[in-house]
All heavy atoms as atom14 arrays in JSON, in Angstrom:
{
  "sequence": "VVSTQLCIYAVGAERVRHEGQEFAQQLYMQLPWHQ",
  "atom14_mask": [
    [1, 1, 1, 1, 1, 1, 1, 0, 0, 0, 0, 0, 0, 0],
    [1, 1, 1, 1, 1, 1, 1, 0, 0, 0, 0, 0, 0, 0],
    [1, 1, 1, 1, 1, 1, 0, 0, 0, 0, 0, 0, 0, 0],
    [1, 1, 1, 1, 1, 1, 1, 0, 0, 0, 0, 0, 0, 0],
    [1, 1, 1, 1, 1, 1, 1, 1, 1, 0, 0, 0, 0, 0],
    [1, 1, 1, 1, 1, 1, 1, 1, 0, 0, 0, 0, 0, 0],
    [1, 1, 1, 1, 1, 1, 0, 0, 0, 0, 0, 0, 0, 0],
    [1, 1, 1, 1, 1, 1, 1, 1, 0, 0, 0, 0, 0, 0],
    [1, 1, 1, 1, 1, 1, 1, 1, 1, 1, 1, 1, 0, 0],
    [1, 1, 1, 1, 1, 0, 0, 0, 0, 0, 0, 0, 0, 0],
    [1, 1, 1, 1, 1, 1, 1, 0, 0, 0, 0, 0, 0, 0],
    [1, 1, 1, 1, 0, 0, 0, 0, 0, 0, 0, 0, 0, 0],
    [1, 1, 1, 1, 1, 0, 0, 0, 0, 0, 0, 0, 0, 0],
    [1, 1, 1, 1, 1, 1, 1, 1, 1, 0, 0, 0, 0, 0],
    [1, 1, 1, 1, 1, 1, 1, 1, 1, 1, 1, 0, 0, 0],
    [1, 1, 1, 1, 1, 1, 1, 0, 0, 0, 0, 0, 0, 0],
    [1, 1, 1, 1, 1, 1, 1, 1, 1, 1, 1, 0, 0, 0],
    [1, 1, 1, 1, 1, 1, 1, 1, 1, 1, 0, 0, 0, 0],
    [1, 1, 1, 1, 1, 1, 1, 1, 1, 0, 0, 0, 0, 0],
    [1, 1, 1, 1, 0, 0, 0, 0, 0, 0, 0, 0, 0, 0],
    [1, 1, 1, 1, 1, 1, 1, 1, 1, 0, 0, 0, 0, 0],
    [1, 1, 1, 1, 1, 1, 1, 1, 1, 0, 0, 0, 0, 0],
    [1, 1, 1, 1, 1, 1, 1, 1, 1, 1, 1, 0, 0, 0],
    [1, 1, 1, 1, 1, 0, 0, 0, 0, 0, 0, 0, 0, 0],
    [1, 1, 1, 1, 1, 1, 1, 1, 1, 0, 0, 0, 0, 0],
    [1, 1, 1, 1, 1, 1, 1, 1, 1, 0, 0, 0, 0, 0],
    [1, 1, 1, 1, 1, 1, 1, 1, 0, 0, 0, 0, 0, 0],
    [1, 1, 1, 1, 1, 1, 1, 1, 1, 1, 1, 1, 0, 0],
    [1, 1, 1, 1, 1, 1, 1, 1, 0, 0, 0, 0, 0, 0],
    [1, 1, 1, 1, 1, 1, 1, 1, 1, 0, 0, 0, 0, 0],
    [1, 1, 1, 1, 1, 1, 1, 1, 0, 0, 0, 0, 0, 0],
    [1, 1, 1, 1, 1, 1, 1, 0, 0, 0, 0, 0, 0, 0],
    [1, 1, 1, 1, 1, 1, 1, 1, 1, 1, 1, 1, 1, 1],
    [1, 1, 1, 1, 1, 1, 1, 1, 1, 1, 0, 0, 0, 0],
    [1, 1, 1, 1, 1, 1, 1, 1, 1, 0, 0, 0, 0, 0]
  ],
  "atom14_positions": [
    [[137.9, 62.6, 132.65], [136.91, 63.23, 131.82], [136.16, 62.14, 131.02], [135.01, 62.23, 130.95], [137.58, 64.31, 130.87], [136.67, 64.71, 129.78], [138.16, 65.51, 131.67], [0.0, 0.0, 0.0], [0.0, 0.0, 0.0], [0.0, 0.0, 0.0], [0.0, 0.0, 0.0], [0.0, 0.0, 0.0], [0.0, 0.0, 0.0], [0.0, 0.0, 0.0]],
    [[136.88, 61.3, 130.47], [136.22, 60.16, 129.58], [135.24, 59.41, 130.45], [134.25, 59.07, 129.96], [137.37, 59.34, 128.92], [136.72, 58.17, 128.3], [138.28, 60.1, 128.08], [0.0, 0.0, 0.0], [0.0, 0.0, 0.0], [0.0, 0.0, 0.0], [0.0, 0.0, 0.0], [0.0, 0.0, 0.0], [0.0, 0.0, 0.0], [0.0, 0.0, 0.0]],
    [[135.75, 58.93, 131.66], [134.77, 58.23, 132.48], [133.56, 58.96, 132.9], [132.4, 58.48, 132.87], [135.51, 57.83, 133.78], [136.53, 57.07, 133.43], [0.0, 0.0, 0.0], [0.0, 0.0, 0.0], [0.0, 0.0, 0.0], [0.0, 0.0, 0.0], [0.0, 0.0, 0.0], [0.0, 0.0, 0.0], [0.0, 0.0, 0.0], [0.0, 0.0, 0.0]],
    [[133.73, 60.29, 133.18], [132.61, 61.19, 133.68], [131.63, 61.5, 132.39], [130.44, 61.51, 132.59], [133.18, 62.46, 134.27], [134.06, 62.13, 135.12], [131.9, 63.22, 134.83], [0.0, 0.0, 0.0], [0.0, 0.0, 0.0], [0.0, 0.0, 0.0], [0.0, 0.0, 0.0], [0.0, 0.0, 0.0], [0.0, 0.0, 0.0], [0.0, 0.0, 0.0]],
    [[132.17, 61.56, 131.17], [131.43, 61.81, 130.02], [130.21, 60.7, 129.94], [129.19, 61.02, 129.68], [132.27, 61.69, 128.82], [132.88, 63.08, 128.35], [133.7, 62.92, 127.1], [134.02, 61.75, 126.57], [134.03, 63.98, 126.51], [0.0, 0.0, 0.0], [0.0, 0.0, 0.0], [0.0, 0.0, 0.0], [0.0, 0.0, 0.0], [0.0, 0.0, 0.0]],
    [[130.65, 59.52, 129.98], [129.74, 58.44, 129.83], [128.76, 58.28, 131.06], [127.46, 58.05, 130.72], [130.38, 57.0, 129.75], [129.59, 55.84, 129.41], [128.89, 56.02, 128.15], [130.44, 54.62, 129.37], [0.0, 0.0, 0.0], [0.0, 0.0, 0.0], [0.0, 0.0, 0.0], [0.0, 0.0, 0.0], [0.0, 0.0, 0.0], [0.0, 0.0, 0.0]],
    [[129.25, 58.52, 132.21], [128.35, 58.54, 133.35], [127.27, 59.68, 133.24], [126.1, 59.48, 133.67], [129.14, 58.75, 134.58], [130.18, 57.3, 135.0], [0.0, 0.0, 0.0], [0.0, 0.0, 0.0], [0.0, 0.0, 0.0], [0.0, 0.0, 0.0], [0.0, 0.0, 0.0], [0.0, 0.0, 0.0], [0.0, 0.0, 0.0], [0.0, 0.0, 0.0]],
    [[127.66, 60.81, 132.67], [126.65, 61.93, 132.56], [125.48, 61.5, 131.78], [124.32, 61.75, 132.15], [127.27, 63.21, 131.95], [128.17, 63.88, 132.97], [126.26, 64.22, 131.53], [129.06, 65.04, 132.46], [0.0, 0.0, 0.0], [0.0, 0.0, 0.0], [0.0, 0.0, 0.0], [0.0, 0.0, 0.0], [0.0, 0.0, 0.0], [0.0, 0.0, 0.0]],
    [[125.64, 60.91, 130.59], [124.52, 60.45, 129.76], [123.83, 59.28, 130.37], [122.55, 59.35, 130.27], [125.04, 60.2, 128.32], [125.56, 61.44, 127.68], [126.78, 61.93, 127.68], [124.76, 62.16, 126.94], [127.18, 63.11, 127.17], [125.12, 63.35, 126.29], [126.47, 63.62, 126.37], [126.75, 64.91, 125.8], [0.0, 0.0, 0.0], [0.0, 0.0, 0.0]],
    [[124.48, 58.14, 130.75], [123.83, 57.06, 131.25], [123.2, 57.25, 132.51], [121.93, 56.96, 132.69], [124.84, 55.98, 131.34], [0.0, 0.0, 0.0], [0.0, 0.0, 0.0], [0.0, 0.0, 0.0], [0.0, 0.0, 0.0], [0.0, 0.0, 0.0], [0.0, 0.0, 0.0], [0.0, 0.0, 0.0], [0.0, 0.0, 0.0], [0.0, 0.0, 0.0]],
    [[123.87, 57.79, 133.54], [123.21, 58.05, 134.91], [122.14, 59.15, 134.74], [121.04, 59.05, 135.49], [124.41, 58.4, 135.84], [123.69, 58.69, 137.25], [125.35, 57.25, 136.08], [0.0, 0.0, 0.0], [0.0, 0.0, 0.0], [0.0, 0.0, 0.0], [0.0, 0.0, 0.0], [0.0, 0.0, 0.0], [0.0, 0.0, 0.0], [0.0, 0.0, 0.0]],
    [[122.44, 60.12, 133.96], [121.28, 61.21, 133.78], [120.04, 60.63, 133.26], [118.95, 61.0, 133.7], [0.0, 0.0, 0.0], [0.0, 0.0, 0.0], [0.0, 0.0, 0.0], [0.0, 0.0, 0.0], [0.0, 0.0, 0.0], [0.0, 0.0, 0.0], [0.0, 0.0, 0.0], [0.0, 0.0, 0.0], [0.0, 0.0, 0.0], [0.0, 0.0, 0.0]],
    [[120.09, 59.7, 132.17], [118.99, 59.21, 131.65], [118.17, 58.28, 132.67], [116.94, 58.13, 132.79], [119.31, 58.37, 130.43], [0.0, 0.0, 0.0], [0.0, 0.0, 0.0], [0.0, 0.0, 0.0], [0.0, 0.0, 0.0], [0.0, 0.0, 0.0], [0.0, 0.0, 0.0], [0.0, 0.0, 0.0], [0.0, 0.0, 0.0], [0.0, 0.0, 0.0]],
    [[119.07, 57.51, 133.57], [118.5, 56.62, 134.51], [117.75, 57.46, 135.66], [116.78, 57.09, 136.1], [119.67, 55.91, 135.2], [119.23, 54.61, 135.95], [118.76, 53.61, 134.96], [119.19, 53.57, 133.82], [118.03, 52.75, 135.56], [0.0, 0.0, 0.0], [0.0, 0.0, 0.0], [0.0, 0.0, 0.0], [0.0, 0.0, 0.0], [0.0, 0.0, 0.0]],
    [[118.27, 58.65, 135.84], [117.75, 59.58, 136.9], [116.25, 60.12, 136.39], [115.36, 59.99, 137.22], [118.56, 60.83, 137.15], [118.15, 61.77, 138.23], [118.94, 62.92, 138.45], [118.46, 63.83, 139.39], [118.89, 63.88, 140.76], [119.89, 62.85, 141.12], [118.49, 64.72, 141.57], [0.0, 0.0, 0.0], [0.0, 0.0, 0.0], [0.0, 0.0, 0.0]],
    [[116.17, 60.38, 135.11], [114.89, 60.89, 134.58], [113.96, 59.73, 134.77], [112.73, 59.99, 135.08], [115.08, 61.33, 133.2], [113.74, 61.64, 132.46], [115.92, 62.58, 133.11], [0.0, 0.0, 0.0], [0.0, 0.0, 0.0], [0.0, 0.0, 0.0], [0.0, 0.0, 0.0], [0.0, 0.0, 0.0], [0.0, 0.0, 0.0], [0.0, 0.0, 0.0]],
    [[114.34, 58.51, 134.28], [113.46, 57.36, 134.36], [112.97, 57.09, 135.9], [111.77, 56.8, 136.11], [114.14, 56.03, 133.83], [113.36, 54.82, 133.68], [114.13, 53.68, 133.32], [115.13, 53.25, 134.47], [114.85, 52.65, 135.51], [113.62, 52.2, 135.66], [115.81, 52.29, 136.41], [0.0, 0.0, 0.0], [0.0, 0.0, 0.0], [0.0, 0.0, 0.0]],
    [[114.0, 57.16, 136.74], [113.68, 56.98, 138.13], [112.62, 57.96, 138.77], [111.66, 57.63, 139.43], [114.87, 57.18, 139.05], [114.66, 57.01, 140.48], [114.31, 55.79, 141.23], [114.68, 58.01, 141.4], [114.07, 56.15, 142.49], [114.37, 57.34, 142.6], [0.0, 0.0, 0.0], [0.0, 0.0, 0.0], [0.0, 0.0, 0.0], [0.0, 0.0, 0.0]],
    [[112.75, 59.19, 138.31], [111.87, 60.32, 138.8], [110.41, 59.97, 138.23], [109.44, 60.28, 138.94], [112.32, 61.68, 138.43], [113.59, 62.04, 139.02], [113.5, 62.3, 140.59], [112.34, 62.58, 141.02], [114.47, 62.07, 141.31], [0.0, 0.0, 0.0], [0.0, 0.0, 0.0], [0.0, 0.0, 0.0], [0.0, 0.0, 0.0], [0.0, 0.0, 0.0]],
    [[110.34, 59.49, 136.95], [109.05, 59.3, 136.41], [108.38, 58.06, 137.2], [107.11, 58.18, 137.36], [0.0, 0.0, 0.0], [0.0, 0.0, 0.0], [0.0, 0.0, 0.0], [0.0, 0.0, 0.0], [0.0, 0.0, 0.0], [0.0, 0.0, 0.0], [0.0, 0.0, 0.0], [0.0, 0.0, 0.0], [0.0, 0.0, 0.0], [0.0, 0.0, 0.0]],
    [[109.19, 57.1, 137.57], [108.54, 55.98, 138.3], [108.21, 56.4, 139.7], [107.13, 55.94, 140.23], [109.55, 54.85, 138.43], [109.85, 54.13, 137.04], [110.95, 53.0, 137.32], [111.82, 53.07, 138.19], [110.74, 52.01, 136.46], [0.0, 0.0, 0.0], [0.0, 0.0, 0.0], [0.0, 0.0, 0.0], [0.0, 0.0, 0.0], [0.0, 0.0, 0.0]],
    [[108.99, 57.28, 140.19], [108.62, 57.81, 141.57], [107.45, 58.54, 141.51], [106.51, 58.46, 142.64], [109.75, 58.69, 142.15], [109.62, 59.31, 143.5], [109.58, 58.19, 144.6], [110.2, 57.13, 144.27], [109.14, 58.36, 145.78], [0.0, 0.0, 0.0], [0.0, 0.0, 0.0], [0.0, 0.0, 0.0], [0.0, 0.0, 0.0], [0.0, 0.0, 0.0]],
    [[107.11, 59.37, 140.6], [105.74, 60.06, 140.51], [104.64, 59.08, 140.3], [103.58, 59.14, 140.99], [105.73, 61.07, 139.34], [104.5, 61.64, 139.03], [103.96, 62.63, 139.87], [103.73, 61.2, 138.09], [102.76, 63.24, 139.67], [102.41, 61.86, 137.66], [102.01, 62.78, 138.51], [0.0, 0.0, 0.0], [0.0, 0.0, 0.0], [0.0, 0.0, 0.0]],
    [[104.82, 57.98, 139.56], [103.82, 57.05, 139.32], [103.5, 56.37, 140.65], [102.3, 55.95, 140.99], [104.13, 56.01, 138.3], [0.0, 0.0, 0.0], [0.0, 0.0, 0.0], [0.0, 0.0, 0.0], [0.0, 0.0, 0.0], [0.0, 0.0, 0.0], [0.0, 0.0, 0.0], [0.0, 0.0, 0.0], [0.0, 0.0, 0.0], [0.0, 0.0, 0.0]],
    [[104.54, 55.9, 141.43], [104.34, 55.23, 142.74], [103.56, 56.22, 143.69], [102.71, 55.69, 144.48], [105.73, 54.95, 143.19], [105.65, 54.09, 144.45], [106.99, 53.62, 145.08], [108.1, 54.03, 144.43], [106.99, 52.91, 146.07], [0.0, 0.0, 0.0], [0.0, 0.0, 0.0], [0.0, 0.0, 0.0], [0.0, 0.0, 0.0], [0.0, 0.0, 0.0]],
    [[103.92, 57.3, 143.66], [103.3, 58.37, 144.7], [101.9, 58.57, 144.15], [101.02, 58.79, 145.14], [103.99, 59.65, 144.7], [105.46, 59.64, 145.25], [105.23, 59.33, 146.89], [104.44, 59.73, 147.56], [106.16, 58.52, 147.42], [0.0, 0.0, 0.0], [0.0, 0.0, 0.0], [0.0, 0.0, 0.0], [0.0, 0.0, 0.0], [0.0, 0.0, 0.0]],
    [[101.64, 58.69, 142.9], [100.24, 58.76, 142.52], [99.44, 57.62, 142.93], [98.19, 57.89, 143.33], [100.27, 58.84, 140.84], [98.94, 59.02, 140.25], [98.3, 60.36, 140.59], [99.14, 59.0, 138.74], [0.0, 0.0, 0.0], [0.0, 0.0, 0.0], [0.0, 0.0, 0.0], [0.0, 0.0, 0.0], [0.0, 0.0, 0.0], [0.0, 0.0, 0.0]],
    [[99.99, 56.48, 142.93], [99.15, 55.36, 143.4], [99.0, 55.26, 144.92], [97.92, 54.81, 145.43], [99.82, 54.02, 142.9], [99.06, 52.65, 143.34], [98.04, 52.36, 142.56], [99.55, 52.05, 144.47], [97.19, 51.11, 142.93], [98.82, 50.88, 144.71], [97.57, 50.45, 144.12], [96.96, 49.3, 144.28], [0.0, 0.0, 0.0], [0.0, 0.0, 0.0]],
    [[100.06, 55.71, 145.65], [99.99, 55.57, 147.16], [99.22, 56.69, 147.78], [98.65, 56.54, 148.88], [101.47, 55.4, 147.61], [102.15, 54.38, 147.18], [103.84, 54.12, 147.74], [103.62, 54.16, 149.56], [0.0, 0.0, 0.0], [0.0, 0.0, 0.0], [0.0, 0.0, 0.0], [0.0, 0.0, 0.0], [0.0, 0.0, 0.0], [0.0, 0.0, 0.0]],
    [[99.32, 57.89, 147.16], [98.81, 59.18, 147.86], [97.37, 59.23, 147.7], [96.67, 59.81, 148.6], [99.59, 60.38, 147.31], [101.03, 60.32, 147.67], [101.25, 60.55, 149.24], [100.46, 61.13, 149.84], [102.45, 60.27, 149.64], [0.0, 0.0, 0.0], [0.0, 0.0, 0.0], [0.0, 0.0, 0.0], [0.0, 0.0, 0.0], [0.0, 0.0, 0.0]],
    [[96.69, 58.89, 146.57], [95.38, 59.21, 146.32], [94.49, 58.16, 147.16], [94.76, 56.95, 147.18], [95.02, 59.02, 144.78], [95.57, 60.2, 143.91], [95.12, 59.82, 142.44], [95.02, 61.46, 144.33], [0.0, 0.0, 0.0], [0.0, 0.0, 0.0], [0.0, 0.0, 0.0], [0.0, 0.0, 0.0], [0.0, 0.0, 0.0], [0.0, 0.0, 0.0]],
    [[93.44, 58.65, 147.63], [92.47, 57.79, 148.38], [91.59, 57.0, 147.45], [90.34, 57.36, 147.36], [91.79, 58.76, 149.29], [91.71, 59.99, 148.66], [93.04, 60.1, 147.82], [0.0, 0.0, 0.0], [0.0, 0.0, 0.0], [0.0, 0.0, 0.0], [0.0, 0.0, 0.0], [0.0, 0.0, 0.0], [0.0, 0.0, 0.0], [0.0, 0.0, 0.0]],
    [[92.07, 55.96, 146.81], [91.33, 55.26, 145.86], [90.04, 54.72, 146.46], [88.92, 54.63, 145.77], [92.11, 54.22, 145.11], [93.3, 54.83, 144.46], [94.52, 54.97, 144.83], [93.41, 55.18, 143.04], [95.39, 55.55, 143.95], [94.71, 55.59, 142.83], [92.44, 55.36, 142.12], [95.05, 56.21, 141.62], [92.76, 55.89, 140.85], [94.08, 56.31, 140.58]],
    [[90.1, 54.23, 147.62], [88.91, 53.55, 148.28], [87.74, 54.56, 148.52], [86.64, 54.13, 148.74], [89.33, 52.86, 149.51], [89.85, 53.72, 150.52], [91.19, 54.33, 150.47], [89.39, 54.3, 151.78], [91.38, 55.14, 151.64], [90.28, 55.08, 152.31], [0.0, 0.0, 0.0], [0.0, 0.0, 0.0], [0.0, 0.0, 0.0], [0.0, 0.0, 0.0]],
    [[88.03, 55.7, 148.52], [87.1, 56.86, 148.94], [86.44, 57.48, 147.58], [85.53, 58.21, 147.69], [87.57, 57.86, 149.83], [88.11, 57.46, 151.25], [88.64, 58.51, 152.0], [88.8, 59.7, 151.56], [89.19, 58.26, 153.23], [0.0, 0.0, 0.0], [0.0, 0.0, 0.0], [0.0, 0.0, 0.0], [0.0, 0.0, 0.0], [0.0, 0.0, 0.0]]
  ]
}
């Protein structure tokens, strides 16, 4: 329980950060900027 407690908060925050970065990366790659 003690080990999982800390992982929930740390890994959860890291997951939100990663999803935000993934959206930014897809935004740059998916849009046809040259057109």
